Amino acid sequence: MVNNSGVQCSGDRSNNKGLTGTLPSLIGNLNQLTTFFFGPIPDSIGSLQQLVFLALNANSFSGPIPPSIGNLSNLSWLDLTENQLNGTIPVSSGSTTGLDMLVKARHLCFNWNSLNGPVPSNLNNLTSVRELDMSNNSFNSSAVPPWHTSLEALTTLYHLNPHHLLI
C-alpha cells in the first residue's frame, strides 16, 4: 500500500480516492482508465498536447464528446467505447475544433454510446485511421458514409444497421 500526501493507493488499484489537482500537459499515455469515472469528460482534456493514447472506455462518462479532443494533434488512439456519451460527433467549424482534426489517429472507437445525428462527412480527413467503430449508437443514417472510401488506411469499419447502426 502506498500513502502519499493523504492519498492511499491499494495494491489492487480499486481504492484510489482523494486524488485532486490538475493533470500535467506533458502526459503522453492514459490507458486502463476503466475506473468507473462518471459525468462529463472535461473540456480541459484538450490541453494535454502530448497525449498519444487515450482510452476512456468502459466508464460512465456522459454528455457530449468535448470538441477540444480535436486539439490533441499527436493522438493516435481514441477509445470512448461503452460510456453514456450523447450528442453528435464534434467536427471543426470556424473557431471550434473537432475530431476531424485528429489526422494522426489510427484507432477511433465510439461504439456503445448514445451518439446521434448525422455521421459527419468531415471525418474523411482522417486518412490515417485503420479502425473506426461507430456501432451501437443512434446515428440518423443506416448507410455506410460514402466518404469512407477516402480513408486509405482503413482496414476495419463497424458502422450501421437500421436498428442499432451496426455492420
Protein backbone atom coordinates (compact mmCIF):
# COMPACT_ATOMS: atom_id res chain seq x y z
CA MET A 1 0.00 0.00 0.00
CA VAL A 2 1.28 3.45 -0.95
CA ASN A 3 0.36 6.50 1.12
CA ASN A 4 1.50 9.82 -0.31
CA SER A 5 0.16 13.17 0.91
CA GLY A 6 -3.04 11.63 2.22
CA VAL A 7 -3.79 9.64 -0.95
CA GLN A 8 -3.93 5.92 -0.36
CA CYS A 9 -3.47 3.50 -3.23
CA SER A 10 -4.22 -0.14 -2.60
CA GLY A 11 -2.38 -2.87 -4.47
CA ASP A 12 -5.46 -3.78 -6.49
CA ARG A 13 -5.84 -0.15 -7.71
CA SER A 14 -9.53 -0.12 -6.88
CA ASN A 15 -9.41 2.33 -3.99
CA ASN A 16 -7.68 5.43 -5.34
CA LYS A 17 -9.90 8.05 -3.77
CA GLY A 18 -8.90 11.57 -2.88
CA LEU A 19 -6.87 12.48 -5.94
CA THR A 20 -7.08 16.19 -6.65
CA GLY A 21 -5.29 18.72 -8.81
CA THR A 22 -4.62 19.07 -12.49
CA LEU A 23 -3.00 16.69 -14.94
CA PRO A 24 0.30 17.95 -16.35
CA SER A 25 0.13 18.75 -20.07
CA LEU A 26 3.19 16.54 -20.73
CA ILE A 27 1.29 13.30 -20.17
CA GLY A 28 1.71 11.06 -23.21
CA ASN A 29 -0.39 7.97 -22.44
CA LEU A 30 -3.53 7.45 -20.42
CA ASN A 31 -4.81 3.89 -20.54
CA GLN A 32 -6.69 1.37 -18.45
CA LEU A 33 -8.86 4.14 -17.03
CA THR A 34 -11.73 1.72 -16.50
CA THR A 35 -12.30 3.14 -13.06
CA PHE A 36 -15.98 3.99 -13.04
CA PHE A 37 -15.42 7.62 -13.95
CA PHE A 38 -18.71 9.42 -14.47
CA GLY A 39 -20.01 12.80 -15.52
CA PRO A 40 -18.82 14.81 -18.50
CA ILE A 41 -15.36 14.43 -19.97
CA PRO A 42 -13.75 17.76 -19.03
CA ASP A 43 -13.08 20.17 -21.86
CA SER A 44 -9.60 20.66 -20.40
CA ILE A 45 -8.65 17.23 -21.77
CA GLY A 46 -7.83 19.09 -24.98
CA SER A 47 -4.88 20.78 -23.27
CA LEU A 48 -2.93 17.51 -22.93
CA GLN A 49 -1.00 18.27 -26.11
CA GLN A 50 1.46 15.35 -25.85
CA LEU A 51 -1.25 12.72 -25.45
CA VAL A 52 -0.83 9.84 -27.91
CA PHE A 53 -3.13 7.20 -26.42
CA LEU A 54 -6.46 7.92 -24.74
CA ALA A 55 -8.66 5.02 -23.65
CA LEU A 56 -11.66 6.14 -21.60
CA ASN A 57 -13.72 3.06 -22.49
CA ALA A 58 -15.99 1.16 -20.09
CA ASN A 59 -16.72 4.05 -17.75
CA SER A 60 -19.86 6.09 -17.17
CA PHE A 61 -18.90 9.32 -18.89
CA SER A 62 -21.99 11.23 -20.02
CA GLY A 63 -22.78 14.28 -22.09
CA PRO A 64 -21.23 15.26 -25.40
CA ILE A 65 -17.75 14.40 -26.63
CA PRO A 66 -15.69 17.54 -25.94
CA PRO A 67 -14.67 19.21 -29.21
CA SER A 68 -11.37 20.08 -27.51
CA ILE A 69 -10.22 16.48 -28.04
CA GLY A 70 -9.56 17.70 -31.59
CA ASN A 71 -6.67 19.74 -30.14
CA LEU A 72 -4.78 16.53 -29.37
CA SER A 73 -2.76 16.63 -32.57
CA ASN A 74 -0.49 13.73 -31.53
CA LEU A 75 -3.33 11.38 -30.64
CA SER A 76 -3.19 8.05 -32.47
CA TRP A 77 -5.67 6.07 -30.33
CA LEU A 78 -9.04 7.28 -29.03
CA ASP A 79 -11.39 4.79 -27.41
CA LEU A 80 -14.64 6.12 -25.92
CA THR A 81 -16.46 2.76 -26.10
CA GLU A 82 -19.12 1.81 -23.53
CA ASN A 83 -19.94 5.12 -21.91
CA GLN A 84 -23.11 7.18 -21.86
CA LEU A 85 -21.95 9.84 -24.30
CA ASN A 86 -24.62 11.61 -26.34
CA GLY A 87 -24.94 14.30 -28.96
CA THR A 88 -23.14 14.41 -32.26
CA ILE A 89 -19.53 13.67 -33.14
CA PRO A 90 -17.94 17.12 -32.91
CA VAL A 91 -16.21 18.43 -36.02
CA SER A 92 -14.37 21.69 -36.53
CA SER A 93 -16.13 24.79 -37.77
CA GLY A 94 -14.93 28.36 -37.59
CA SER A 95 -13.25 28.89 -34.24
CA THR A 96 -14.07 25.49 -32.73
CA THR A 97 -12.05 22.35 -33.18
CA GLY A 98 -13.38 18.83 -33.59
CA LEU A 99 -12.43 15.21 -34.04
CA ASP A 100 -11.83 15.73 -37.76
CA MET A 101 -8.55 17.39 -36.71
CA LEU A 102 -7.12 14.10 -35.36
CA VAL A 103 -5.15 13.46 -38.55
CA LYS A 104 -2.65 11.13 -36.81
CA ALA A 105 -5.41 8.95 -35.37
CA ARG A 106 -5.27 5.27 -36.32
CA HIS A 107 -7.91 3.88 -33.94
CA LEU A 108 -11.23 5.64 -33.22
CA CYS A 109 -13.93 3.84 -31.26
CA PHE A 110 -17.22 5.45 -30.27
CA ASN A 111 -19.34 2.29 -30.06
CA TRP A 112 -21.91 1.54 -27.35
CA ASN A 113 -22.86 5.12 -26.55
CA SER A 114 -25.92 7.22 -27.39
CA LEU A 115 -24.37 9.36 -30.12
CA ASN A 116 -26.84 10.69 -32.68
CA GLY A 117 -27.28 12.97 -35.64
CA PRO A 118 -25.54 12.53 -38.96
CA VAL A 119 -22.15 10.87 -39.25
CA PRO A 120 -20.01 13.90 -40.14
CA SER A 121 -18.53 13.89 -43.63
CA ASN A 122 -15.56 15.88 -42.22
CA LEU A 123 -14.25 12.59 -40.86
CA ASN A 124 -12.98 11.90 -44.39
CA ASN A 125 -9.91 13.98 -43.37
CA LEU A 126 -8.77 11.14 -41.13
CA THR A 127 -6.79 9.29 -43.76
CA SER A 128 -4.56 7.55 -41.17
CA VAL A 129 -7.47 5.78 -39.47
CA ARG A 130 -7.21 1.99 -39.59
CA GLU A 131 -10.12 1.11 -37.30
CA LEU A 132 -13.33 3.12 -36.99
CA ASP A 133 -16.11 1.77 -34.78
CA MET A 134 -19.34 3.76 -34.55
CA SER A 135 -21.65 0.80 -33.92
CA ASN A 136 -24.46 0.67 -31.38
CA ASN A 137 -25.33 4.35 -31.37
CA SER A 138 -28.33 6.27 -32.70
CA PHE A 139 -27.00 7.95 -35.82
CA ASN A 140 -29.52 9.24 -38.38
CA SER A 141 -28.42 7.05 -41.26
CA SER A 142 -28.11 3.32 -41.61
CA ALA A 143 -25.86 3.64 -44.63
CA VAL A 144 -22.09 3.49 -44.55
CA PRO A 145 -20.97 7.04 -45.35
CA PRO A 146 -19.78 7.28 -48.96
CA TRP A 147 -16.65 9.13 -47.84
CA HIS A 148 -15.31 6.00 -46.07
CA THR A 149 -13.53 5.07 -49.31
CA SER A 150 -11.27 8.12 -48.89
CA LEU A 151 -9.87 6.61 -45.68
CA GLU A 152 -6.95 4.93 -47.40
CA ALA A 153 -5.56 3.16 -44.31
CA LEU A 154 -8.97 1.87 -43.15
CA THR A 155 -8.98 -1.87 -42.56
CA THR A 156 -11.89 -2.20 -40.11
CA LEU A 157 -15.19 -0.31 -40.17
CA TYR A 158 -18.01 -1.10 -37.80
CA HIS A 159 -20.88 1.17 -38.58
CA LEU A 160 -24.57 0.93 -39.04
CA ASN A 161 -27.66 -1.14 -39.30
CA PRO A 162 -31.20 0.24 -39.21
CA HIS A 163 -31.77 -0.82 -35.61
CA HIS A 164 -28.53 -0.24 -33.74
CA LEU A 165 -26.28 1.04 -36.52
CA LEU A 166 -24.05 -1.99 -36.77
CA ILE A 167 -22.43 -3.74 -39.71
